[in-house]
Amino acid sequence: FLLTVMGYDRYVAICHPLRYNVLMSPGVCACLV
């Protein structure tokens, strides 16, 4: 599941870089983990 989450992180970083800080905020990251 963590490998899947890391794949989503790379997707957001490359496909939506301007929204990265919003989509991968500390709260969101904690929830995903």
PDB file of all heavy atoms in Angstrom:
ATOM      1  N   PHE A   1       0.831  -1.209   0.000  1.00  0.00           N
ATOM      2  CA  PHE A   1       0.000   0.000   0.000  1.00  0.00           C
ATOM      3  C   PHE A   1       0.864   1.259   0.000  1.00  0.00           C
ATOM      4  O   PHE A   1       0.527   2.257  -0.657  1.00  0.00           O
ATOM      5  CB  PHE A   1      -0.939   0.002   1.211  1.00  0.00           C
ATOM      6  CG  PHE A   1      -1.939  -1.129   1.204  1.00  0.00           C
ATOM      7  CD1 PHE A   1      -2.385  -1.693   2.390  1.00  0.00           C
ATOM      8  CD2 PHE A   1      -2.436  -1.631   0.011  1.00  0.00           C
ATOM      9  CE1 PHE A   1      -3.306  -2.724   2.388  1.00  0.00           C
ATOM     10  CE2 PHE A   1      -3.355  -2.665  -0.001  1.00  0.00           C
ATOM     11  CZ  PHE A   1      -3.794  -3.220   1.185  1.00  0.00           C
ATOM     12  N   LEU A   2       1.988   1.225   0.714  1.00  0.00           N
ATOM     13  CA  LEU A   2       2.887   2.386   0.735  1.00  0.00           C
ATOM     14  C   LEU A   2       3.542   2.600  -0.619  1.00  0.00           C
ATOM     15  O   LEU A   2       3.740   3.746  -1.046  1.00  0.00           O
ATOM     16  CB  LEU A   2       3.957   2.212   1.825  1.00  0.00           C
ATOM     17  CG  LEU A   2       3.468   2.403   3.264  1.00  0.00           C
ATOM     18  CD1 LEU A   2       4.541   1.964   4.250  1.00  0.00           C
ATOM     19  CD2 LEU A   2       3.071   3.851   3.524  1.00  0.00           C
ATOM     20  N   LEU A   3       3.874   1.521  -1.320  1.00  0.00           N
ATOM     21  CA  LEU A   3       4.413   1.669  -2.675  1.00  0.00           C
ATOM     22  C   LEU A   3       3.384   2.319  -3.598  1.00  0.00           C
ATOM     23  O   LEU A   3       3.728   3.117  -4.469  1.00  0.00           O
ATOM     24  CB  LEU A   3       4.822   0.301  -3.232  1.00  0.00           C
ATOM     25  CG  LEU A   3       6.135  -0.295  -2.703  1.00  0.00           C
ATOM     26  CD1 LEU A   3       6.338  -1.696  -3.269  1.00  0.00           C
ATOM     27  CD2 LEU A   3       7.321   0.592  -3.034  1.00  0.00           C
ATOM     28  N   THR A   4       2.116   1.976  -3.391  1.00  0.00           N
ATOM     29  CA  THR A   4       1.045   2.596  -4.176  1.00  0.00           C
ATOM     30  C   THR A   4       0.937   4.086  -3.866  1.00  0.00           C
ATOM     31  O   THR A   4       0.787   4.914  -4.781  1.00  0.00           O
ATOM     32  CB  THR A   4      -0.301   1.904  -3.874  1.00  0.00           C
ATOM     33  OG1 THR A   4      -0.158   0.490  -4.063  1.00  0.00           O
ATOM     34  CG2 THR A   4      -1.397   2.422  -4.789  1.00  0.00           C
ATOM     35  N   VAL A   5       1.025   4.431  -2.592  1.00  0.00           N
ATOM     36  CA  VAL A   5       0.977   5.834  -2.181  1.00  0.00           C
ATOM     37  C   VAL A   5       2.160   6.611  -2.763  1.00  0.00           C
ATOM     38  O   VAL A   5       2.015   7.753  -3.217  1.00  0.00           O
ATOM     39  CB  VAL A   5       0.968   5.931  -0.640  1.00  0.00           C
ATOM     40  CG1 VAL A   5       1.228   7.369  -0.180  1.00  0.00           C
ATOM     41  CG2 VAL A   5      -0.372   5.444  -0.081  1.00  0.00           C
ATOM     42  N   MET A   6       3.321   5.987  -2.793  1.00  0.00           N
ATOM     43  CA  MET A   6       4.501   6.646  -3.365  1.00  0.00           C
ATOM     44  C   MET A   6       4.329   6.869  -4.862  1.00  0.00           C
ATOM     45  O   MET A   6       4.804   7.873  -5.414  1.00  0.00           O
ATOM     46  CB  MET A   6       5.753   5.812  -3.082  1.00  0.00           C
ATOM     47  CG  MET A   6       6.134   5.772  -1.612  1.00  0.00           C
ATOM     48  SD  MET A   6       7.524   4.664  -1.251  1.00  0.00           S
ATOM     49  CE  MET A   6       8.899   5.646  -1.848  1.00  0.00           C
ATOM     50  N   GLY A   7       3.649   5.943  -5.538  1.00  0.00           N
ATOM     51  CA  GLY A   7       3.342   6.134  -6.946  1.00  0.00           C
ATOM     52  C   GLY A   7       2.423   7.328  -7.154  1.00  0.00           C
ATOM     53  O   GLY A   7       2.608   8.122  -8.095  1.00  0.00           O
ATOM     54  N   TYR A   8       1.435   7.477  -6.268  1.00  0.00           N
ATOM     55  CA  TYR A   8       0.526   8.631  -6.339  1.00  0.00           C
ATOM     56  C   TYR A   8       1.284   9.928  -6.074  1.00  0.00           C
ATOM     57  O   TYR A   8       1.040  10.956  -6.741  1.00  0.00           O
ATOM     58  CB  TYR A   8      -0.597   8.467  -5.319  1.00  0.00           C
ATOM     59  CG  TYR A   8      -1.486   9.676  -5.180  1.00  0.00           C
ATOM     60  CD1 TYR A   8      -2.374  10.041  -6.183  1.00  0.00           C
ATOM     61  CD2 TYR A   8      -1.430  10.469  -4.029  1.00  0.00           C
ATOM     62  CE1 TYR A   8      -3.191  11.157  -6.059  1.00  0.00           C
ATOM     63  CE2 TYR A   8      -2.238  11.590  -3.896  1.00  0.00           C
ATOM     64  CZ  TYR A   8      -3.117  11.928  -4.903  1.00  0.00           C
ATOM     65  OH  TYR A   8      -3.913  13.041  -4.781  1.00  0.00           O
ATOM     66  N   ASP A   9       2.235   9.891  -5.147  1.00  0.00           N
ATOM     67  CA  ASP A   9       3.052  11.072  -4.851  1.00  0.00           C
ATOM     68  C   ASP A   9       3.841  11.511  -6.083  1.00  0.00           C
ATOM     69  O   ASP A   9       3.906  12.701  -6.406  1.00  0.00           O
ATOM     70  CB  ASP A   9       4.011  10.750  -3.701  1.00  0.00           C
ATOM     71  CG  ASP A   9       5.037  11.855  -3.469  1.00  0.00           C
ATOM     72  OD1 ASP A   9       4.653  12.902  -2.932  1.00  0.00           O
ATOM     73  OD2 ASP A   9       6.210  11.663  -3.850  1.00  0.00           O
ATOM     74  N   ARG A  10       4.426  10.554  -6.798  1.00  0.00           N
ATOM     75  CA  ARG A  10       5.176  10.888  -8.020  1.00  0.00           C
ATOM     76  C   ARG A  10       4.229  11.415  -9.099  1.00  0.00           C
ATOM     77  O   ARG A  10       4.591  12.316  -9.864  1.00  0.00           O
ATOM     78  CB  ARG A  10       5.928   9.662  -8.535  1.00  0.00           C
ATOM     79  CG  ARG A  10       7.088   9.169  -7.665  1.00  0.00           C
ATOM     80  CD  ARG A  10       8.176  10.217  -7.517  1.00  0.00           C
ATOM     81  NE  ARG A  10       7.854  11.201  -6.481  1.00  0.00           N
ATOM     82  CZ  ARG A  10       8.288  12.450  -6.452  1.00  0.00           C
ATOM     83  NH1 ARG A  10       9.039  12.898  -7.428  1.00  0.00           N
ATOM     84  NH2 ARG A  10       7.956  13.273  -5.475  1.00  0.00           N
ATOM     85  N   TYR A  11       3.024  10.862  -9.160  1.00  0.00           N
ATOM     86  CA  TYR A  11       2.035  11.338 -10.134  1.00  0.00           C
ATOM     87  C   TYR A  11       1.679  12.799  -9.882  1.00  0.00           C
ATOM     88  O   TYR A  11       1.664  13.623 -10.805  1.00  0.00           O
ATOM     89  CB  TYR A  11       0.783  10.463 -10.049  1.00  0.00           C
ATOM     90  CG  TYR A  11      -0.456  11.109 -10.608  1.00  0.00           C
ATOM     91  CD1 TYR A  11      -0.659  11.220 -11.991  1.00  0.00           C
ATOM     92  CD2 TYR A  11      -1.441  11.612  -9.752  1.00  0.00           C
ATOM     93  CE1 TYR A  11      -1.800  11.824 -12.502  1.00  0.00           C
ATOM     94  CE2 TYR A  11      -2.581  12.217 -10.260  1.00  0.00           C
ATOM     95  CZ  TYR A  11      -2.753  12.318 -11.628  1.00  0.00           C
ATOM     96  OH  TYR A  11      -3.880  12.917 -12.126  1.00  0.00           O
ATOM     97  N   VAL A  12       1.424  13.146  -8.626  1.00  0.00           N
ATOM     98  CA  VAL A  12       1.063  14.531  -8.289  1.00  0.00           C
ATOM     99  C   VAL A  12       2.243  15.461  -8.557  1.00  0.00           C
ATOM    100  O   VAL A  12       2.077  16.558  -9.105  1.00  0.00           O
ATOM    101  CB  VAL A  12       0.612  14.634  -6.822  1.00  0.00           C
ATOM    102  CG1 VAL A  12       0.357  16.091  -6.437  1.00  0.00           C
ATOM    103  CG2 VAL A  12      -0.657  13.818  -6.586  1.00  0.00           C
ATOM    104  N   ALA A  13       3.473  15.021  -8.188  1.00  0.00           N
ATOM    105  CA  ALA A  13       4.654  15.873  -8.342  1.00  0.00           C
ATOM    106  C   ALA A  13       4.938  16.202  -9.805  1.00  0.00           C
ATOM    107  O   ALA A  13       5.352  17.323 -10.126  1.00  0.00           O
ATOM    108  CB  ALA A  13       5.866  15.185  -7.720  1.00  0.00           C
ATOM    109  N   ILE A  14       4.703  15.245 -10.694  1.00  0.00           N
ATOM    110  CA  ILE A  14       5.040  15.455 -12.104  1.00  0.00           C
ATOM    111  C   ILE A  14       3.859  15.967 -12.923  1.00  0.00           C
ATOM    112  O   ILE A  14       4.022  16.831 -13.784  1.00  0.00           O
ATOM    113  CB  ILE A  14       5.586  14.139 -12.704  1.00  0.00           C
ATOM    114  CG1 ILE A  14       6.922  13.793 -12.044  1.00  0.00           C
ATOM    115  CG2 ILE A  14       5.747  14.233 -14.226  1.00  0.00           C
ATOM    116  CD1 ILE A  14       7.487  12.457 -12.439  1.00  0.00           C
ATOM    117  N   CYS A  15       2.671  15.464 -12.637  1.00  0.00           N
ATOM    118  CA  CYS A  15       1.496  15.836 -13.445  1.00  0.00           C
ATOM    119  C   CYS A  15       0.791  17.091 -12.924  1.00  0.00           C
ATOM    120  O   CYS A  15       0.129  17.797 -13.689  1.00  0.00           O
ATOM    121  CB  CYS A  15       0.510  14.671 -13.513  1.00  0.00           C
ATOM    122  SG  CYS A  15       1.202  13.181 -14.251  1.00  0.00           S
ATOM    123  N   HIS A  16       0.916  17.367 -11.616  1.00  0.00           N
ATOM    124  CA  HIS A  16       0.254  18.546 -11.034  1.00  0.00           C
ATOM    125  C   HIS A  16       1.222  19.278 -10.098  1.00  0.00           C
ATOM    126  O   HIS A  16       0.937  19.427  -8.896  1.00  0.00           O
ATOM    127  CB  HIS A  16      -1.008  18.131 -10.265  1.00  0.00           C
ATOM    128  CG  HIS A  16      -2.006  17.386 -11.094  1.00  0.00           C
ATOM    129  ND1 HIS A  16      -2.845  18.003 -12.002  1.00  0.00           N
ATOM    130  CD2 HIS A  16      -2.278  16.049 -11.159  1.00  0.00           C
ATOM    131  CE1 HIS A  16      -3.606  17.092 -12.582  1.00  0.00           C
ATOM    132  NE2 HIS A  16      -3.287  15.900 -12.099  1.00  0.00           N
ATOM    133  N   PRO A  17       2.361  19.729 -10.597  1.00  0.00           N
ATOM    134  CA  PRO A  17       3.376  20.328  -9.726  1.00  0.00           C
ATOM    135  C   PRO A  17       2.917  21.578  -8.997  1.00  0.00           C
ATOM    136  O   PRO A  17       3.333  21.823  -7.861  1.00  0.00           O
ATOM    137  CB  PRO A  17       4.528  20.631 -10.694  1.00  0.00           C
ATOM    138  CG  PRO A  17       3.884  20.724 -12.049  1.00  0.00           C
ATOM    139  CD  PRO A  17       2.768  19.742 -12.020  1.00  0.00           C
ATOM    140  N   LEU A  18       2.064  22.390  -9.630  1.00  0.00           N
ATOM    141  CA  LEU A  18       1.610  23.630  -8.996  1.00  0.00           C
ATOM    142  C   LEU A  18       0.664  23.370  -7.827  1.00  0.00           C
ATOM    143  O   LEU A  18       0.519  24.219  -6.941  1.00  0.00           O
ATOM    144  CB  LEU A  18       0.919  24.524 -10.037  1.00  0.00           C
ATOM    145  CG  LEU A  18       1.803  24.984 -11.205  1.00  0.00           C
ATOM    146  CD1 LEU A  18       0.999  25.861 -12.158  1.00  0.00           C
ATOM    147  CD2 LEU A  18       3.033  25.735 -10.689  1.00  0.00           C
ATOM    148  N   ARG A  19       0.023  22.215  -7.811  1.00  0.00           N
ATOM    149  CA  ARG A  19      -0.909  21.877  -6.727  1.00  0.00           C
ATOM    150  C   ARG A  19      -0.301  20.885  -5.748  1.00  0.00           C
ATOM    151  O   ARG A  19      -0.993  20.388  -4.868  1.00  0.00           O
ATOM    152  CB  ARG A  19      -2.190  21.298  -7.325  1.00  0.00           C
ATOM    153  CG  ARG A  19      -2.923  22.248  -8.277  1.00  0.00           C
ATOM    154  CD  ARG A  19      -4.133  21.554  -8.903  1.00  0.00           C
ATOM    155  NE  ARG A  19      -5.073  21.119  -7.892  1.00  0.00           N
ATOM    156  CZ  ARG A  19      -6.029  20.202  -8.101  1.00  0.00           C
ATOM    157  NH1 ARG A  19      -6.119  19.617  -9.296  1.00  0.00           N
ATOM    158  NH2 ARG A  19      -6.854  19.866  -7.136  1.00  0.00           N
ATOM    159  N   TYR A  20       0.987  20.608  -5.903  1.00  0.00           N
ATOM    160  CA  TYR A  20       1.619  19.554  -5.098  1.00  0.00           C
ATOM    161  C   TYR A  20       1.528  19.834  -3.601  1.00  0.00           C
ATOM    162  O   TYR A  20       1.187  18.949  -2.805  1.00  0.00           O
ATOM    163  CB  TYR A  20       3.079  19.380  -5.517  1.00  0.00           C
ATOM    164  CG  TYR A  20       3.788  18.269  -4.781  1.00  0.00           C
ATOM    165  CD1 TYR A  20       3.598  16.939  -5.149  1.00  0.00           C
ATOM    166  CD2 TYR A  20       4.647  18.540  -3.712  1.00  0.00           C
ATOM    167  CE1 TYR A  20       4.241  15.909  -4.476  1.00  0.00           C
ATOM    168  CE2 TYR A  20       5.293  17.529  -3.032  1.00  0.00           C
ATOM    169  CZ  TYR A  20       5.089  16.207  -3.420  1.00  0.00           C
ATOM    170  OH  TYR A  20       5.724  15.194  -2.741  1.00  0.00           O
ATOM    171  N   ASN A  21       1.840  21.071  -3.201  1.00  0.00           N
ATOM    172  CA  ASN A  21       1.833  21.394  -1.775  1.00  0.00           C
ATOM    173  C   ASN A  21       0.448  21.304  -1.157  1.00  0.00           C
ATOM    174  O   ASN A  21       0.317  21.080   0.057  1.00  0.00           O
ATOM    175  CB  ASN A  21       2.407  22.797  -1.551  1.00  0.00           C
ATOM    176  CG  ASN A  21       3.896  22.860  -1.826  1.00  0.00           C
ATOM    177  OD1 ASN A  21       4.599  21.865  -1.695  1.00  0.00           O
ATOM    178  ND2 ASN A  21       4.383  24.029  -2.226  1.00  0.00           N
ATOM    179  N   VAL A  22      -0.583  21.468  -1.979  1.00  0.00           N
ATOM    180  CA  VAL A  22      -1.952  21.346  -1.473  1.00  0.00           C
ATOM    181  C   VAL A  22      -2.387  19.886  -1.429  1.00  0.00           C
ATOM    182  O   VAL A  22      -2.908  19.399  -0.422  1.00  0.00           O
ATOM    183  CB  VAL A  22      -2.928  22.162  -2.355  1.00  0.00           C
ATOM    184  CG1 VAL A  22      -4.369  21.941  -1.899  1.00  0.00           C
ATOM    185  CG2 VAL A  22      -2.568  23.639  -2.308  1.00  0.00           C
ATOM    186  N   LEU A  23      -2.159  19.180  -2.542  1.00  0.00           N
ATOM    187  CA  LEU A  23      -2.589  17.785  -2.628  1.00  0.00           C
ATOM    188  C   LEU A  23      -1.775  16.855  -1.731  1.00  0.00           C
ATOM    189  O   LEU A  23      -2.267  15.802  -1.319  1.00  0.00           O
ATOM    190  CB  LEU A  23      -2.492  17.307  -4.079  1.00  0.00           C
ATOM    191  CG  LEU A  23      -3.436  17.982  -5.080  1.00  0.00           C
ATOM    192  CD1 LEU A  23      -3.150  17.493  -6.489  1.00  0.00           C
ATOM    193  CD2 LEU A  23      -4.890  17.725  -4.703  1.00  0.00           C
ATOM    194  N   MET A  24      -0.526  17.243  -1.440  1.00  0.00           N
ATOM    195  CA  MET A  24       0.327  16.414  -0.584  1.00  0.00           C
ATOM    196  C   MET A  24       0.740  17.197   0.656  1.00  0.00           C
ATOM    197  O   MET A  24       1.914  17.217   1.042  1.00  0.00           O
ATOM    198  CB  MET A  24       1.561  15.953  -1.370  1.00  0.00           C
ATOM    199  CG  MET A  24       1.244  15.136  -2.616  1.00  0.00           C
ATOM    200  SD  MET A  24       0.262  13.649  -2.293  1.00  0.00           S
ATOM    201  CE  MET A  24       1.411  12.698  -1.323  1.00  0.00           C
ATOM    202  N   SER A  25      -0.217  17.813   1.289  1.00  0.00           N
ATOM    203  CA  SER A  25       0.040  18.543   2.530  1.00  0.00           C
ATOM    204  C   SER A  25       0.402  17.560   3.645  1.00  0.00           C
ATOM    205  O   SER A  25       0.150  16.356   3.524  1.00  0.00           O
ATOM    206  CB  SER A  25      -1.204  19.341   2.932  1.00  0.00           C
ATOM    207  OG  SER A  25      -2.265  18.452   3.253  1.00  0.00           O
ATOM    208  N   PRO A  26       1.007  18.046   4.739  1.00  0.00           N
ATOM    209  CA  PRO A  26       1.366  17.144   5.845  1.00  0.00           C
ATOM    210  C   PRO A  26       0.190  16.321   6.358  1.00  0.00           C
ATOM    211  O   PRO A  26       0.346  15.134   6.670  1.00  0.00           O
ATOM    212  CB  PRO A  26       1.887  18.108   6.916  1.00  0.00           C
ATOM    213  CG  PRO A  26       2.421  19.269   6.142  1.00  0.00           C
ATOM    214  CD  PRO A  26       1.506  19.421   4.963  1.00  0.00           C
ATOM    215  N   GLY A  27      -1.000  16.941   6.431  1.00  0.00           N
ATOM    216  CA  GLY A  27      -2.177  16.206   6.890  1.00  0.00           C
ATOM    217  C   GLY A  27      -2.571  15.091   5.945  1.00  0.00           C
ATOM    218  O   GLY A  27      -2.901  13.974   6.375  1.00  0.00           O
ATOM    219  N   VAL A  28      -2.522  15.375   4.655  1.00  0.00           N
ATOM    220  CA  VAL A  28      -2.852  14.360   3.651  1.00  0.00           C
ATOM    221  C   VAL A  28      -1.839  13.214   3.699  1.00  0.00           C
ATOM    222  O   VAL A  28      -2.214  12.039   3.646  1.00  0.00           O
ATOM    223  CB  VAL A  28      -2.889  14.975   2.237  1.00  0.00           C
ATOM    224  CG1 VAL A  28      -3.014  13.885   1.169  1.00  0.00           C
ATOM    225  CG2 VAL A  28      -4.041  15.966   2.121  1.00  0.00           C
ATOM    226  N   CYS A  29      -0.560  13.555   3.809  1.00  0.00           N
ATOM    227  CA  CYS A  29       0.480  12.532   3.874  1.00  0.00           C
ATOM    228  C   CYS A  29       0.304  11.634   5.094  1.00  0.00           C
ATOM    229  O   CYS A  29       0.440  10.399   4.995  1.00  0.00           O
ATOM    230  CB  CYS A  29       1.861  13.184   3.913  1.00  0.00           C
ATOM    231  SG  CYS A  29       2.310  14.038   2.384  1.00  0.00           S
ATOM    232  N   ALA A  30      -0.003  12.243   6.232  1.00  0.00           N
ATOM    233  CA  ALA A  30      -0.215  11.463   7.450  1.00  0.00           C
ATOM    234  C   ALA A  30      -1.395  10.518   7.290  1.00  0.00           C
ATOM    235  O   ALA A  30      -1.347   9.355   7.721  1.00  0.00           O
ATOM    236  CB  ALA A  30      -0.434  12.391   8.638  1.00  0.00           C
ATOM    237  N   CYS A  31      -2.461  10.997   6.651  1.00  0.00           N
ATOM    238  CA  CYS A  31      -3.644  10.146   6.421  1.00  0.00           C
ATOM    239  C   CYS A  31      -3.312   8.987   5.482  1.00  0.00           C
ATOM    240  O   CYS A  31      -3.751   7.854   5.713  1.00  0.00           O
ATOM    241  CB  CYS A  31      -4.784  10.977   5.834  1.00  0.00           C
ATOM    242  SG  CYS A  31      -5.620  12.038   7.019  1.00  0.00           S
ATOM    243  N   LEU A  32      -2.543   9.255   4.433  1.00  0.00           N
ATOM    244  CA  LEU A  32      -2.182   8.199   3.489  1.00  0.00           C
ATOM    245  C   LEU A  32      -1.339   7.119   4.161  1.00  0.00           C
ATOM    246  O   LEU A  32      -1.547   5.919   3.932  1.00  0.00           O
ATOM    247  CB  LEU A  32      -1.418   8.793   2.303  1.00  0.00           C
ATOM    248  CG  LEU A  32      -2.242   9.660   1.336  1.00  0.00           C
ATOM    249  CD1 LEU A  32      -1.329  10.352   0.328  1.00  0.00           C
ATOM    250  CD2 LEU A  32      -3.284   8.819   0.616  1.00  0.00           C
ATOM    251  N   VAL A  33      -0.393   7.544   5.006  1.00  0.00           N
ATOM    252  CA  VAL A  33       0.423   6.567   5.732  1.00  0.00           C
ATOM    253  C   VAL A  33      -0.438   5.781   6.712  1.00  0.00           C
ATOM    254  O   VAL A  33      -0.326   4.540   6.819  1.00  0.00           O
ATOM    255  CB  VAL A  33       1.584   7.273   6.467  1.00  0.00           C
ATOM    256  CG1 VAL A  33       2.301   6.300   7.398  1.00  0.00           C
ATOM    257  CG2 VAL A  33       2.565   7.870   5.475  1.00  0.00           C
TER     258      VAL A  33
END
